[in-house]
Amino acid sequence: MAFTELRIYEVLDGKMDAWAKLMEEEIIPFQESLGLVITSRYRGEADDNLYVWTRDFESEEQRVAQYEAVYQSDHWKENISPLVKAMINLDTMRVERLVKG
């Protein structure tokens, strides 16, 4: 079953511009190069620390394979993950799965 993954992040104080730049210039292009479909991304209008984005998957099997390709890659582990950890609160990160009703 196809679904959308909604990712909700709390960006650390003063890091939003750097985070948005990292997403646009590094994270999204890298993930798209591995076949992930990023469908939207937003910054909070009233909450300067809110960043939300979505990705579409055709199946759970596809999600698992694409997670593996991204998050187990040397590029992610060595280059991207340290930056992510320095810019978002991993303890408050939420990931929700959405299906068409």
Protein backbone atom coordinates (compact mmCIF):
# COMPACT_ATOMS: atom_id res chain seq x y z
CA MET A 1 0.00 0.00 0.00
CA ALA A 2 1.31 3.43 -0.95
CA PHE A 3 1.79 5.99 1.80
CA THR A 4 3.30 9.36 2.60
CA GLU A 5 5.79 9.79 5.37
CA LEU A 6 5.37 13.06 7.28
CA ARG A 7 8.53 14.09 9.12
CA ILE A 8 8.27 16.80 11.79
CA TYR A 9 11.48 18.29 13.17
CA GLU A 10 12.34 20.76 15.89
CA VAL A 11 15.32 22.68 14.54
CA LEU A 12 17.68 23.97 17.22
CA ASP A 13 17.59 27.68 18.01
CA GLY A 14 19.35 29.78 15.40
CA LYS A 15 19.94 26.84 13.03
CA MET A 16 16.92 27.11 10.70
CA ASP A 17 18.64 28.88 7.82
CA ALA A 18 21.56 26.43 7.92
CA TRP A 19 19.14 23.49 8.21
CA ALA A 20 17.02 24.61 5.25
CA LYS A 21 20.17 25.10 3.18
CA LEU A 22 21.44 21.63 4.15
CA MET A 23 18.10 20.10 3.18
CA GLU A 24 17.94 21.88 -0.19
CA GLU A 25 21.59 21.51 -1.19
CA GLU A 26 22.59 18.18 0.33
CA ILE A 27 19.96 15.97 1.94
CA ILE A 28 17.18 16.18 -0.65
CA PRO A 29 19.46 15.86 -3.71
CA PHE A 30 21.27 12.91 -2.10
CA GLN A 31 18.05 11.11 -1.24
CA GLU A 32 16.52 11.81 -4.66
CA SER A 33 19.67 10.43 -6.31
CA LEU A 34 18.87 7.14 -4.54
CA GLY A 35 15.28 7.09 -5.78
CA LEU A 36 13.40 8.64 -2.86
CA VAL A 37 10.46 10.87 -3.76
CA ILE A 38 10.42 14.06 -1.68
CA THR A 39 7.03 15.71 -2.17
CA SER A 40 7.09 18.81 0.03
CA ARG A 41 8.94 20.74 2.69
CA TYR A 42 7.87 23.60 4.91
CA ARG A 43 9.15 25.93 7.60
CA GLY A 44 6.84 27.03 10.39
CA GLU A 45 5.26 30.44 9.89
CA ALA A 46 4.88 31.24 13.58
CA ASP A 47 7.33 28.66 15.00
CA ASP A 48 10.90 29.45 13.91
CA ASN A 49 12.03 25.96 14.94
CA LEU A 50 9.45 23.92 13.00
CA TYR A 51 10.47 22.10 9.82
CA VAL A 52 8.15 19.60 8.13
CA TRP A 53 8.68 17.53 5.01
CA THR A 54 7.12 14.58 3.23
CA ARG A 55 8.28 11.60 1.21
CA ASP A 56 6.16 9.14 -0.78
CA PHE A 57 6.63 5.37 -0.81
CA GLU A 58 4.84 2.76 -2.90
CA SER A 59 5.19 0.05 -0.25
CA GLU A 60 6.78 -0.83 3.07
CA GLU A 61 9.31 -2.95 1.20
CA GLN A 62 10.36 0.05 -0.86
CA ARG A 63 10.68 2.19 2.29
CA VAL A 64 12.90 -0.39 3.98
CA ALA A 65 15.17 -0.68 0.94
CA GLN A 66 15.44 3.07 0.51
CA TYR A 67 16.09 3.67 4.21
CA GLU A 68 18.91 1.14 3.97
CA ALA A 69 20.37 2.82 0.88
CA VAL A 70 20.33 6.26 2.53
CA TYR A 71 20.98 5.75 6.22
CA GLN A 72 23.52 2.93 5.94
CA SER A 73 25.57 4.65 3.25
CA ASP A 74 29.05 5.89 4.08
CA HIS A 75 28.13 9.34 2.74
CA TRP A 76 25.22 9.64 5.18
CA LYS A 77 27.14 8.30 8.16
CA GLU A 78 30.31 10.30 7.60
CA ASN A 79 29.07 13.57 6.09
CA ILE A 80 25.39 14.18 6.67
CA SER A 81 24.51 12.54 9.99
CA PRO A 82 26.92 14.67 12.08
CA LEU A 83 25.38 17.83 10.62
CA VAL A 84 21.83 16.60 11.24
CA LYS A 85 22.66 15.82 14.87
CA ALA A 86 24.03 19.35 15.30
CA MET A 87 20.92 21.06 13.90
CA ILE A 88 17.78 19.18 14.95
CA ASN A 89 16.47 17.82 18.23
CA LEU A 90 16.41 14.08 17.57
CA ASP A 91 14.44 13.47 20.79
CA THR A 92 11.42 15.42 19.52
CA MET A 93 11.52 14.23 15.89
CA ARG A 94 8.21 12.71 14.77
CA VAL A 95 7.56 10.49 11.78
CA GLU A 96 3.94 9.79 10.84
CA ARG A 97 2.62 7.59 8.05
CA LEU A 98 -0.30 8.98 6.10
CA VAL A 99 -2.60 7.05 3.76
CA LYS A 100 -5.34 8.41 1.55
CA GLY A 101 -8.70 8.12 3.21
